[in-house]
């Protein structure tokens, strides 16, 4: 919608969207250093490009490991939260990544003895072990 307006209007509208560190950055710009909206957007992107949240890929799931003091329930919850951010995380990838990330223990041994047929199967089996941990 703003493309129809002049660079001056675009800059003023964009300036109104800046908060906290972006406002501080704007205040440090040299007077008359911005001559067009393109200059403004280029300077902004150059300064804040590293702040952009990077899209994780499914390989990052294989780096997740169950911590020493972390319960199975905590690990599965942390894993599922991370997997929600990764559109390419298929159930098969998730099943493999969870299995690889588990500490050795009864649940891990059960998965090695009888691999789960699906991620849902893994979660159903994990629920039994999580309930056992909760009871203990």
Protein backbone atom coordinates (compact mmCIF):
# COMPACT_ATOMS: atom_id res chain seq x y z
CA UNK A 1 0.00 0.00 0.00
CA UNK A 2 2.85 2.38 0.77
CA UNK A 3 4.50 1.93 -2.63
CA UNK A 4 2.33 4.71 -4.05
CA UNK A 5 3.74 7.29 -1.62
CA UNK A 6 6.95 9.31 -1.75
CA UNK A 7 10.17 8.15 -0.11
CA UNK A 8 9.72 10.79 2.58
CA UNK A 9 6.35 9.37 3.60
CA UNK A 10 7.67 5.79 3.54
CA UNK A 11 10.63 6.76 5.75
CA UNK A 12 8.39 8.51 8.27
CA UNK A 13 5.96 5.59 8.41
CA UNK A 14 8.83 3.09 8.79
CA UNK A 15 10.44 5.24 11.46
CA UNK A 16 7.21 5.02 13.46
CA UNK A 17 7.56 1.23 13.63
CA UNK A 18 11.01 1.28 15.24
CA UNK A 19 11.31 0.38 18.92
CA UNK A 20 14.10 0.04 21.49
CA UNK A 21 17.45 -0.76 19.85
CA UNK A 22 16.20 0.21 16.39
CA UNK A 23 15.23 3.65 17.69
CA UNK A 24 18.63 3.99 19.32
CA UNK A 25 20.30 3.00 16.04
CA UNK A 26 18.25 5.58 14.13
CA UNK A 27 19.35 8.34 16.51
CA UNK A 28 23.01 7.55 15.71
CA UNK A 29 22.59 8.09 11.95
CA UNK A 30 24.43 11.10 10.58
CA UNK A 31 22.16 13.98 9.50
CA UNK A 32 21.34 13.81 5.76
CA UNK A 33 22.86 10.32 5.46
CA UNK A 34 19.53 8.91 4.29
CA UNK A 35 18.52 10.21 0.86
CA UNK A 36 15.84 7.68 -0.08
CA UNK A 37 13.71 4.94 1.35
CA UNK A 38 16.05 2.47 -0.34
CA UNK A 39 19.00 3.98 1.60
CA UNK A 40 16.97 3.72 4.81
CA UNK A 41 15.94 0.10 4.26
CA UNK A 42 19.46 -0.92 3.17
CA UNK A 43 21.02 0.69 6.27
CA UNK A 44 18.42 -0.91 8.51
CA UNK A 45 18.88 -4.38 6.99
CA UNK A 46 22.66 -4.07 7.15
CA UNK A 47 22.50 -3.21 10.86
CA UNK A 48 19.84 -5.72 11.93
CA UNK A 49 20.19 -8.66 9.54
CA UNK A 50 22.08 -10.68 12.15
CA UNK A 51 19.14 -10.25 14.57
CA UNK A 52 16.80 -12.12 12.28
CA UNK A 53 15.78 -15.43 13.73
CA UNK A 54 17.23 -18.15 11.55
CA UNK A 55 14.99 -20.94 10.35
CA UNK A 56 16.12 -24.20 11.89
CA UNK A 57 16.17 -27.33 9.79
CA UNK A 58 15.44 -30.90 10.73
CA UNK A 59 19.13 -31.70 11.21
CA UNK A 60 19.11 -29.60 14.37
CA UNK A 61 16.74 -32.16 15.90
CA UNK A 62 19.50 -34.76 15.71
CA UNK A 63 21.66 -32.50 17.87
CA UNK A 64 19.14 -32.56 20.72
CA UNK A 65 20.20 -34.80 23.58
CA UNK A 66 18.43 -35.71 26.78
CA UNK A 67 20.36 -34.04 29.58
CA UNK A 68 21.60 -35.95 32.60
CA UNK A 69 19.04 -34.48 35.02
CA UNK A 70 16.26 -34.18 32.43
CA UNK A 71 13.27 -36.47 32.75
CA UNK A 72 11.89 -38.26 29.73
CA UNK A 73 8.79 -36.04 29.87
CA UNK A 74 10.91 -32.86 29.88
CA UNK A 75 12.99 -34.11 26.96
CA UNK A 76 9.96 -35.10 24.88
CA UNK A 77 8.30 -31.73 25.58
CA UNK A 78 11.48 -29.83 24.66
CA UNK A 79 11.89 -31.95 21.55
CA UNK A 80 8.28 -31.45 20.44
CA UNK A 81 8.55 -27.69 20.96
CA UNK A 82 11.64 -27.57 18.77
CA UNK A 83 10.05 -29.81 16.12
CA UNK A 84 7.04 -27.47 15.84
CA UNK A 85 9.40 -24.80 14.47
CA UNK A 86 10.64 -27.08 11.70
CA UNK A 87 8.14 -27.65 8.88
CA UNK A 88 10.33 -30.34 7.26
CA UNK A 89 10.35 -32.48 10.43
CA UNK A 90 8.46 -35.55 9.29
CA UNK A 91 7.28 -38.17 11.80
CA UNK A 92 10.03 -40.54 10.61
CA UNK A 93 12.72 -37.91 11.14
CA UNK A 94 11.29 -37.11 14.58
CA UNK A 95 11.19 -40.79 15.55
CA UNK A 96 14.85 -41.22 14.58
CA UNK A 97 15.99 -38.00 16.22
CA UNK A 98 14.25 -38.73 19.53
CA UNK A 99 15.71 -42.23 19.64
CA UNK A 100 19.20 -40.90 18.92
CA UNK A 101 18.84 -38.16 21.55
CA UNK A 102 17.79 -40.39 24.45
CA UNK A 103 20.10 -41.24 27.29
CA UNK A 104 20.67 -44.93 27.73
CA UNK A 105 18.00 -46.38 29.96
CA UNK A 106 14.99 -48.66 30.03
CA UNK A 107 13.02 -46.70 27.44
CA UNK A 108 15.98 -46.48 25.07
CA UNK A 109 16.61 -50.22 25.45
CA UNK A 110 12.97 -50.97 24.69
CA UNK A 111 13.20 -48.92 21.48
CA UNK A 112 16.33 -50.77 20.42
CA UNK A 113 14.76 -54.16 21.13
CA UNK A 114 11.51 -53.27 19.35
CA UNK A 115 11.78 -50.17 17.15
CA UNK A 116 8.62 -48.06 17.11
CA UNK A 117 6.49 -48.30 13.98
CA UNK A 118 5.75 -44.56 13.95
CA UNK A 119 6.31 -41.38 15.93
CA UNK A 120 2.87 -41.81 17.47
CA UNK A 121 3.86 -45.33 18.53
CA UNK A 122 7.04 -43.93 20.10
CA UNK A 123 5.04 -41.31 22.00
CA UNK A 124 2.51 -43.88 23.24
CA UNK A 125 5.32 -46.07 24.50
CA UNK A 126 7.12 -43.06 26.00
CA UNK A 127 3.96 -42.14 27.93
CA UNK A 128 4.20 -45.40 29.90
CA UNK A 129 7.80 -44.68 30.87
CA UNK A 130 6.99 -41.05 31.69
CA UNK A 131 4.19 -42.18 34.01
CA UNK A 132 6.61 -44.60 35.67
CA UNK A 133 9.15 -41.77 36.19
CA UNK A 134 6.39 -39.56 37.61
CA UNK A 135 5.34 -42.29 40.03
CA UNK A 136 8.88 -42.82 41.24
